């Protein structure tokens, strides 16, 4: 059987680290409504390919917006530097 960490019903838990969030070895199963270990398995496993592609699209959009904002800030700072 396939493990929970690759299931579309599995939502991993994270703990706050020093400069990032670290993925835990357990998470929430939305089908069974309980906390499960990432290496467990069950008959209700389903693919998470759709959710993964949606997340990638959202990440690309956010990165594009961030790059645009950084470019604008660079232009403003460059113009201020030329004026001084």
PDB file of N, CA and C in Angstrom:
ATOM      1  N   UNK A   1       0.836  -1.204   0.000  1.00  0.00           N
ATOM      2  CA  UNK A   1       0.000   0.000   0.000  1.00  0.00           C
ATOM      3  C   UNK A   1       0.869   1.251   0.000  1.00  0.00           C
ATOM      4  N   UNK A   2       0.303   2.338  -0.463  1.00  0.00           N
ATOM      5  CA  UNK A   2       1.013   3.605  -0.512  1.00  0.00           C
ATOM      6  C   UNK A   2       0.952   4.298   0.834  1.00  0.00           C
ATOM      7  N   UNK A   3       1.976   5.112   1.109  1.00  0.00           N
ATOM      8  CA  UNK A   3       2.073   5.776   2.406  1.00  0.00           C
ATOM      9  C   UNK A   3       1.297   7.090   2.419  1.00  0.00           C
ATOM     10  N   UNK A   4       0.912   7.499   3.608  1.00  0.00           N
ATOM     11  CA  UNK A   4       0.078   8.696   3.778  1.00  0.00           C
ATOM     12  C   UNK A   4       0.725   9.972   3.249  1.00  0.00           C
ATOM     13  N   UNK A   5       2.045  10.105   3.362  1.00  0.00           N
ATOM     14  CA  UNK A   5       2.693  11.357   2.976  1.00  0.00           C
ATOM     15  C   UNK A   5       2.434  11.715   1.512  1.00  0.00           C
ATOM     16  N   UNK A   6       2.099  10.756   0.653  1.00  0.00           N
ATOM     17  CA  UNK A   6       1.827  11.027  -0.744  1.00  0.00           C
ATOM     18  C   UNK A   6       0.352  11.062  -1.090  1.00  0.00           C
ATOM     19  N   UNK A   7      -0.498  11.024  -0.093  1.00  0.00           N
ATOM     20  CA  UNK A   7      -1.943  10.970  -0.294  1.00  0.00           C
ATOM     21  C   UNK A   7      -2.551  12.368  -0.366  1.00  0.00           C
ATOM     22  N   UNK A   8      -3.566  12.524  -1.187  1.00  0.00           N
ATOM     23  CA  UNK A   8      -4.268  13.797  -1.309  1.00  0.00           C
ATOM     24  C   UNK A   8      -5.081  14.155  -0.081  1.00  0.00           C
ATOM     25  N   UNK A   9      -5.342  13.176   0.786  1.00  0.00           N
ATOM     26  CA  UNK A   9      -6.099  13.429   2.016  1.00  0.00           C
ATOM     27  C   UNK A   9      -5.193  13.847   3.176  1.00  0.00           C
ATOM     28  N   UNK A  10      -3.890  13.762   2.994  1.00  0.00           N
ATOM     29  CA  UNK A  10      -2.923  14.010   4.062  1.00  0.00           C
ATOM     30  C   UNK A  10      -2.485  15.472   4.066  1.00  0.00           C
ATOM     31  N   UNK A  11      -2.549  16.082   5.231  1.00  0.00           N
ATOM     32  CA  UNK A  11      -2.066  17.452   5.414  1.00  0.00           C
ATOM     33  C   UNK A  11      -1.001  17.418   6.503  1.00  0.00           C
ATOM     34  N   UNK A  12       0.238  17.639   6.106  1.00  0.00           N
ATOM     35  CA  UNK A  12       1.362  17.552   7.042  1.00  0.00           C
ATOM     36  C   UNK A  12       1.309  18.668   8.074  1.00  0.00           C
ATOM     37  N   UNK A  13       1.813  18.368   9.260  1.00  0.00           N
ATOM     38  CA  UNK A  13       1.973  19.374  10.300  1.00  0.00           C
ATOM     39  C   UNK A  13       3.405  19.912  10.222  1.00  0.00           C
ATOM     40  N   UNK A  14       3.575  21.161  10.627  1.00  0.00           N
ATOM     41  CA  UNK A  14       4.881  21.806  10.614  1.00  0.00           C
ATOM     42  C   UNK A  14       5.166  22.398  11.982  1.00  0.00           C
ATOM     43  N   UNK A  15       6.449  22.424  12.339  1.00  0.00           N
ATOM     44  CA  UNK A  15       6.882  23.100  13.557  1.00  0.00           C
ATOM     45  C   UNK A  15       7.750  24.274  13.155  1.00  0.00           C
ATOM     46  N   UNK A  16       7.727  25.311  13.957  1.00  0.00           N
ATOM     47  CA  UNK A  16       8.503  26.499  13.647  1.00  0.00           C
ATOM     48  C   UNK A  16       9.948  26.276  14.047  1.00  0.00           C
ATOM     49  N   UNK A  17      10.837  26.420  13.067  1.00  0.00           N
ATOM     50  CA  UNK A  17      12.272  26.322  13.321  1.00  0.00           C
ATOM     51  C   UNK A  17      12.860  27.705  13.470  1.00  0.00           C
ATOM     52  N   UNK A  18      14.186  27.789  13.352  1.00  0.00           N
ATOM     53  CA  UNK A  18      14.868  29.073  13.523  1.00  0.00           C
ATOM     54  C   UNK A  18      14.497  30.070  12.422  1.00  0.00           C
ATOM     55  N   UNK A  19      14.660  29.673  11.175  1.00  0.00           N
ATOM     56  CA  UNK A  19      14.365  30.574  10.056  1.00  0.00           C
ATOM     57  C   UNK A  19      13.392  29.967   9.063  1.00  0.00           C
ATOM     58  N   UNK A  20      12.750  28.882   9.422  1.00  0.00           N
ATOM     59  CA  UNK A  20      11.859  28.201   8.493  1.00  0.00           C
ATOM     60  C   UNK A  20      10.912  27.304   9.277  1.00  0.00           C
ATOM     61  N   UNK A  21       9.975  26.707   8.566  1.00  0.00           N
ATOM     62  CA  UNK A  21       9.086  25.730   9.160  1.00  0.00           C
ATOM     63  C   UNK A  21       9.553  24.344   8.746  1.00  0.00           C
ATOM     64  N   UNK A  22       9.615  23.426   9.708  1.00  0.00           N
ATOM     65  CA  UNK A  22      10.067  22.063   9.454  1.00  0.00           C
ATOM     66  C   UNK A  22       8.873  21.124   9.414  1.00  0.00           C
ATOM     67  N   UNK A  23       8.846  20.257   8.413  1.00  0.00           N
ATOM     68  CA  UNK A  23       7.754  19.294   8.275  1.00  0.00           C
ATOM     69  C   UNK A  23       7.908  18.211   9.344  1.00  0.00           C
ATOM     70  N   UNK A  24       6.808  17.883  10.017  1.00  0.00           N
ATOM     71  CA  UNK A  24       6.799  16.847  11.052  1.00  0.00           C
ATOM     72  C   UNK A  24       6.586  15.468  10.417  1.00  0.00           C
ATOM     73  N   UNK A  25       6.771  14.441  11.205  1.00  0.00           N
ATOM     74  CA  UNK A  25       6.566  13.069  10.733  1.00  0.00           C
ATOM     75  C   UNK A  25       5.114  12.626  10.868  1.00  0.00           C
ATOM     76  N   UNK A  26       4.229  13.552  11.149  1.00  0.00           N
ATOM     77  CA  UNK A  26       2.810  13.232  11.283  1.00  0.00           C
ATOM     78  C   UNK A  26       1.976  14.380  10.729  1.00  0.00           C
ATOM     79  N   UNK A  27       0.700  14.098  10.486  1.00  0.00           N
ATOM     80  CA  UNK A  27      -0.193  15.107   9.936  1.00  0.00           C
ATOM     81  C   UNK A  27      -1.638  14.707  10.124  1.00  0.00           C
ATOM     82  N   UNK A  28      -2.521  15.397   9.445  1.00  0.00           N
ATOM     83  CA  UNK A  28      -3.949  15.169   9.571  1.00  0.00           C
ATOM     84  C   UNK A  28      -4.468  14.431   8.336  1.00  0.00           C
ATOM     85  N   UNK A  29      -5.268  13.384   8.551  1.00  0.00           N
ATOM     86  CA  UNK A  29      -5.958  12.693   7.471  1.00  0.00           C
ATOM     87  C   UNK A  29      -7.370  13.267   7.415  1.00  0.00           C
ATOM     88  N   UNK A  30      -7.709  13.920   6.308  1.00  0.00           N
ATOM     89  CA  UNK A  30      -9.017  14.558   6.205  1.00  0.00           C
ATOM     90  C   UNK A  30     -10.143  13.541   5.997  1.00  0.00           C
ATOM     91  N   UNK A  31      -9.820  12.358   5.518  1.00  0.00           N
ATOM     92  CA  UNK A  31     -10.839  11.311   5.345  1.00  0.00           C
ATOM     93  C   UNK A  31     -11.182  10.645   6.663  1.00  0.00           C
ATOM     94  N   UNK A  32     -10.143  10.294   7.432  1.00  0.00           N
ATOM     95  CA  UNK A  32     -10.363   9.592   8.699  1.00  0.00           C
ATOM     96  C   UNK A  32     -10.557  10.549   9.873  1.00  0.00           C
ATOM     97  N   UNK A  33     -10.296  11.850   9.629  1.00  0.00           N
ATOM     98  CA  UNK A  33     -10.422  12.871  10.669  1.00  0.00           C
ATOM     99  C   UNK A  33      -9.600  12.523  11.907  1.00  0.00           C
ATOM    100  N   UNK A  34      -8.320  12.163  11.675  1.00  0.00           N
ATOM    101  CA  UNK A  34      -7.444  11.858  12.803  1.00  0.00           C
ATOM    102  C   UNK A  34      -6.004  12.156  12.427  1.00  0.00           C
ATOM    103  N   UNK A  35      -5.142  12.210  13.437  1.00  0.00           N
ATOM    104  CA  UNK A  35      -3.718  12.421  13.233  1.00  0.00           C
ATOM    105  C   UNK A  35      -3.086  11.089  12.864  1.00  0.00           C
ATOM    106  N   UNK A  36      -2.284  11.106  11.793  1.00  0.00           N
ATOM    107  CA  UNK A  36      -1.626   9.884  11.320  1.00  0.00           C
ATOM    108  C   UNK A  36      -0.140  10.134  11.136  1.00  0.00           C
ATOM    109  N   UNK A  37       0.638   9.066  11.199  1.00  0.00           N
ATOM    110  CA  UNK A  37       2.074   9.123  10.941  1.00  0.00           C
ATOM    111  C   UNK A  37       2.267   9.071   9.431  1.00  0.00           C
ATOM    112  N   UNK A  38       3.263   9.769   8.901  1.00  0.00           N
ATOM    113  CA  UNK A  38       3.392   9.897   7.449  1.00  0.00           C
ATOM    114  C   UNK A  38       3.670   8.580   6.735  1.00  0.00           C
ATOM    115  N   UNK A  39       4.155   7.565   7.431  1.00  0.00           N
ATOM    116  CA  UNK A  39       4.439   6.276   6.797  1.00  0.00           C
ATOM    117  C   UNK A  39       3.306   5.269   6.946  1.00  0.00           C
ATOM    118  N   UNK A  40       2.193   5.680   7.555  1.00  0.00           N
ATOM    119  CA  UNK A  40       1.023   4.800   7.636  1.00  0.00           C
ATOM    120  C   UNK A  40       0.379   4.691   6.257  1.00  0.00           C
ATOM    121  N   UNK A  41      -0.567   3.775   6.126  1.00  0.00           N
ATOM    122  CA  UNK A  41      -1.307   3.642   4.866  1.00  0.00           C
ATOM    123  C   UNK A  41      -2.722   3.166   5.169  1.00  0.00           C
ATOM    124  N   UNK A  42      -3.619   3.370   4.188  1.00  0.00           N
ATOM    125  CA  UNK A  42      -4.992   2.910   4.339  1.00  0.00           C
ATOM    126  C   UNK A  42      -5.606   2.689   2.961  1.00  0.00           C
ATOM    127  N   UNK A  43      -6.828   2.202   2.945  1.00  0.00           N
ATOM    128  CA  UNK A  43      -7.519   1.917   1.687  1.00  0.00           C
ATOM    129  C   UNK A  43      -8.087   3.179   1.033  1.00  0.00           C
ATOM    130  N   UNK A  44      -8.111   4.291   1.740  1.00  0.00           N
ATOM    131  CA  UNK A  44      -8.707   5.526   1.221  1.00  0.00           C
ATOM    132  C   UNK A  44      -7.682   6.439   0.558  1.00  0.00           C
ATOM    133  N   UNK A  45      -6.508   5.906   0.230  1.00  0.00           N
ATOM    134  CA  UNK A  45      -5.450   6.692  -0.393  1.00  0.00           C
ATOM    135  C   UNK A  45      -5.915   7.221  -1.743  1.00  0.00           C
ATOM    136  N   UNK A  46      -5.588   8.484  -2.051  1.00  0.00           N
ATOM    137  CA  UNK A  46      -5.896   9.060  -3.357  1.00  0.00           C
ATOM    138  C   UNK A  46      -4.745   9.959  -3.785  1.00  0.00           C
ATOM    139  N   UNK A  47      -4.620  10.136  -5.063  1.00  0.00           N
ATOM    140  CA  UNK A  47      -3.534  10.929  -5.630  1.00  0.00           C
ATOM    141  C   UNK A  47      -3.678  12.398  -5.234  1.00  0.00           C
ATOM    142  N   UNK A  48      -2.544  13.059  -5.074  1.00  0.00           N
ATOM    143  CA  UNK A  48      -2.563  14.490  -4.765  1.00  0.00           C
ATOM    144  C   UNK A  48      -2.024  15.313  -5.928  1.00  0.00           C
ATOM    145  N   UNK A  49      -2.046  14.762  -7.148  1.00  0.00           N
ATOM    146  CA  UNK A  49      -1.490  15.447  -8.316  1.00  0.00           C
ATOM    147  C   UNK A  49      -2.214  16.759  -8.601  1.00  0.00           C
ATOM    148  N   UNK A  50      -3.522  16.799  -8.456  1.00  0.00           N
ATOM    149  CA  UNK A  50      -4.276  18.028  -8.733  1.00  0.00           C
ATOM    150  C   UNK A  50      -3.907  19.106  -7.720  1.00  0.00           C
ATOM    151  N   UNK A  51      -3.858  18.732  -6.455  1.00  0.00           N
ATOM    152  CA  UNK A  51      -3.515  19.706  -5.412  1.00  0.00           C
ATOM    153  C   UNK A  51      -2.093  20.225  -5.618  1.00  0.00           C
ATOM    154  N   UNK A  52      -1.176  19.338  -6.017  1.00  0.00           N
ATOM    155  CA  UNK A  52       0.205  19.729  -6.260  1.00  0.00           C
ATOM    156  C   UNK A  52       0.291  20.722  -7.418  1.00  0.00           C
ATOM    157  N   UNK A  53      -0.450  20.484  -8.495  1.00  0.00           N
ATOM    158  CA  UNK A  53      -0.399  21.400  -9.642  1.00  0.00           C
ATOM    159  C   UNK A  53      -1.017  22.752  -9.294  1.00  0.00           C
ATOM    160  N   UNK A  54      -2.042  22.757  -8.468  1.00  0.00           N
ATOM    161  CA  UNK A  54      -2.646  24.022  -8.033  1.00  0.00           C
ATOM    162  C   UNK A  54      -1.652  24.810  -7.197  1.00  0.00           C
ATOM    163  N   UNK A  55      -0.952  24.121  -6.279  1.00  0.00           N
ATOM    164  CA  UNK A  55       0.045  24.793  -5.442  1.00  0.00           C
ATOM    165  C   UNK A  55       1.177  25.373  -6.280  1.00  0.00           C
ATOM    166  N   UNK A  56       1.611  24.627  -7.306  1.00  0.00           N
ATOM    167  CA  UNK A  56       2.676  25.132  -8.171  1.00  0.00           C
ATOM    168  C   UNK A  56       2.225  26.395  -8.886  1.00  0.00           C
ATOM    169  N   UNK A  57       0.996  26.409  -9.372  1.00  0.00           N
ATOM    170  CA  UNK A  57       0.471  27.594 -10.046  1.00  0.00           C
ATOM    171  C   UNK A  57       0.413  28.791  -9.127  1.00  0.00           C
ATOM    172  N   UNK A  58      -0.025  28.570  -7.911  1.00  0.00           N
ATOM    173  CA  UNK A  58      -0.102  29.651  -6.930  1.00  0.00           C
ATOM    174  C   UNK A  58       1.296  30.155  -6.597  1.00  0.00           C
ATOM    175  N   UNK A  59       2.242  29.246  -6.414  1.00  0.00           N
ATOM    176  CA  UNK A  59       3.626  29.636  -6.111  1.00  0.00           C
ATOM    177  C   UNK A  59       4.222  30.467  -7.238  1.00  0.00           C
ATOM    178  N   UNK A  60       3.981  30.057  -8.471  1.00  0.00           N
ATOM    179  CA  UNK A  60       4.503  30.821  -9.602  1.00  0.00           C
ATOM    180  C   UNK A  60       3.918  32.223  -9.652  1.00  0.00           C
ATOM    181  N   UNK A  61       2.635  32.348  -9.362  1.00  0.00           N
ATOM    182  CA  UNK A  61       1.995  33.663  -9.362  1.00  0.00           C
ATOM    183  C   UNK A  61       2.569  34.554  -8.258  1.00  0.00           C
ATOM    184  N   UNK A  62       2.748  33.995  -7.067  1.00  0.00           N
ATOM    185  CA  UNK A  62       3.301  34.761  -5.945  1.00  0.00           C
ATOM    186  C   UNK A  62       4.737  35.179  -6.248  1.00  0.00           C
ATOM    187  N   UNK A  63       5.537  34.269  -6.796  1.00  0.00           N
ATOM    188  CA  UNK A  63       6.921  34.609  -7.153  1.00  0.00           C
ATOM    189  C   UNK A  63       6.972  35.699  -8.221  1.00  0.00           C
ATOM    190  N   UNK A  64       6.090  35.616  -9.196  1.00  0.00           N
ATOM    191  CA  UNK A  64       6.040  36.639 -10.241  1.00  0.00           C
ATOM    192  C   UNK A  64       5.721  37.999  -9.649  1.00  0.00           C
ATOM    193  N   UNK A  65       4.765  38.046  -8.729  1.00  0.00           N
ATOM    194  CA  UNK A  65       4.415  39.311  -8.065  1.00  0.00           C
ATOM    195  C   UNK A  65       5.576  39.833  -7.228  1.00  0.00           C
ATOM    196  N   UNK A  66       6.267  38.938  -6.518  1.00  0.00           N
ATOM    197  CA  UNK A  66       7.401  39.342  -5.693  1.00  0.00           C
ATOM    198  C   UNK A  66       8.525  39.900  -6.559  1.00  0.00           C
ATOM    199  N   UNK A  67       8.805  39.239  -7.681  1.00  0.00           N
ATOM    200  CA  UNK A  67       9.849  39.730  -8.583  1.00  0.00           C
ATOM    201  C   UNK A  67       9.490  41.100  -9.144  1.00  0.00           C
ATOM    202  N   UNK A  68       8.230  41.290  -9.453  1.00  0.00           N
ATOM    203  CA  UNK A  68       7.779  42.583  -9.948  1.00  0.00           C
ATOM    204  C   UNK A  68       7.966  43.665  -8.887  1.00  0.00           C
ATOM    205  N   UNK A  69       7.609  43.365  -7.648  1.00  0.00           N
ATOM    206  CA  UNK A  69       7.776  44.324  -6.547  1.00  0.00           C
ATOM    207  C   UNK A  69       9.248  44.654  -6.320  1.00  0.00           C
ATOM    208  N   UNK A  70      10.105  43.643  -6.365  1.00  0.00           N
ATOM    209  CA  UNK A  70      11.546  43.861  -6.172  1.00  0.00           C
ATOM    210  C   UNK A  70      12.099  44.724  -7.301  1.00  0.00           C
ATOM    211  N   UNK A  71      11.639  44.473  -8.517  1.00  0.00           N
ATOM    212  CA  UNK A  71      12.087  45.267  -9.663  1.00  0.00           C
ATOM    213  C   UNK A  71      11.693  46.727  -9.495  1.00  0.00           C
ATOM    214  N   UNK A  72      10.475  46.974  -9.021  1.00  0.00           N
ATOM    215  CA  UNK A  72      10.027  48.343  -8.782  1.00  0.00           C
ATOM    216  C   UNK A  72      10.868  49.025  -7.714  1.00  0.00           C
ATOM    217  N   UNK A  73      11.158  48.295  -6.627  1.00  0.00           N
ATOM    218  CA  UNK A  73      11.985  48.870  -5.556  1.00  0.00           C
ATOM    219  C   UNK A  73      13.393  49.179  -6.061  1.00  0.00           C
ATOM    220  N   UNK A  74      13.937  48.292  -6.890  1.00  0.00           N
ATOM    221  CA  UNK A  74      15.268  48.521  -7.454  1.00  0.00           C
ATOM    222  C   UNK A  74      15.275  49.790  -8.296  1.00  0.00           C
ATOM    223  N   UNK A  75      14.254  49.976  -9.104  1.00  0.00           N
ATOM    224  CA  UNK A  75      14.175  51.162  -9.951  1.00  0.00           C
ATOM    225  C   UNK A  75      14.090  52.431  -9.102  1.00  0.00           C
ATOM    226  N   UNK A  76      13.275  52.404  -8.076  1.00  0.00           N
ATOM    227  CA  UNK A  76      13.133  53.574  -7.190  1.00  0.00           C
ATOM    228  C   UNK A  76      14.458  53.902  -6.520  1.00  0.00           C
ATOM    229  N   UNK A  77      15.133  52.871  -5.985  1.00  0.00           N
ATOM    230  CA  UNK A  77      16.410  53.102  -5.308  1.00  0.00           C
ATOM    231  C   UNK A  77      17.483  53.575  -6.284  1.00  0.00           C
ATOM    232  N   UNK A  78      17.479  53.062  -7.506  1.00  0.00           N
ATOM    233  CA  UNK A  78      18.454  53.492  -8.517  1.00  0.00           C
ATOM    234  C   UNK A  78      18.233  54.958  -8.880  1.00  0.00           C
ATOM    235  N   UNK A  79      16.984  55.359  -9.040  1.00  0.00           N
ATOM    236  CA  UNK A  79      16.680  56.740  -9.375  1.00  0.00           C
ATOM    237  C   UNK A  79      17.076  57.682  -8.233  1.00  0.00           C
ATOM    238  N   UNK A  80      16.849  57.263  -6.980  1.00  0.00           N
ATOM    239  CA  UNK A  80      17.252  58.084  -5.830  1.00  0.00           C
ATOM    240  C   UNK A  80      18.757  58.229  -5.774  1.00  0.00           C
ATOM    241  N   UNK A  81      19.460  57.154  -6.082  1.00  0.00           N
ATOM    242  CA  UNK A  81      20.924  57.165  -6.050  1.00  0.00           C
ATOM    243  C   UNK A  81      21.477  58.124  -7.122  1.00  0.00           C
ATOM    244  N   UNK A  82      20.849  58.123  -8.316  1.00  0.00           N
ATOM    245  CA  UNK A  82      21.297  59.009  -9.388  1.00  0.00           C
ATOM    246  C   UNK A  82      21.053  60.465  -9.031  1.00  0.00           C
ATOM    247  N   UNK A  83      19.947  60.733  -8.325  1.00  0.00           N
ATOM    248  CA  UNK A  83      19.621  62.101  -7.952  1.00  0.00           C
ATOM    249  C   UNK A  83      20.609  62.638  -6.912  1.00  0.00           C
ATOM    250  N   UNK A  84      21.099  61.766  -6.065  1.00  0.00           N
ATOM    251  CA  UNK A  84      22.044  62.211  -5.013  1.00  0.00           C
ATOM    252  C   UNK A  84      23.420  62.167  -5.590  1.00  0.00           C
TER     253      UNK A  84
END
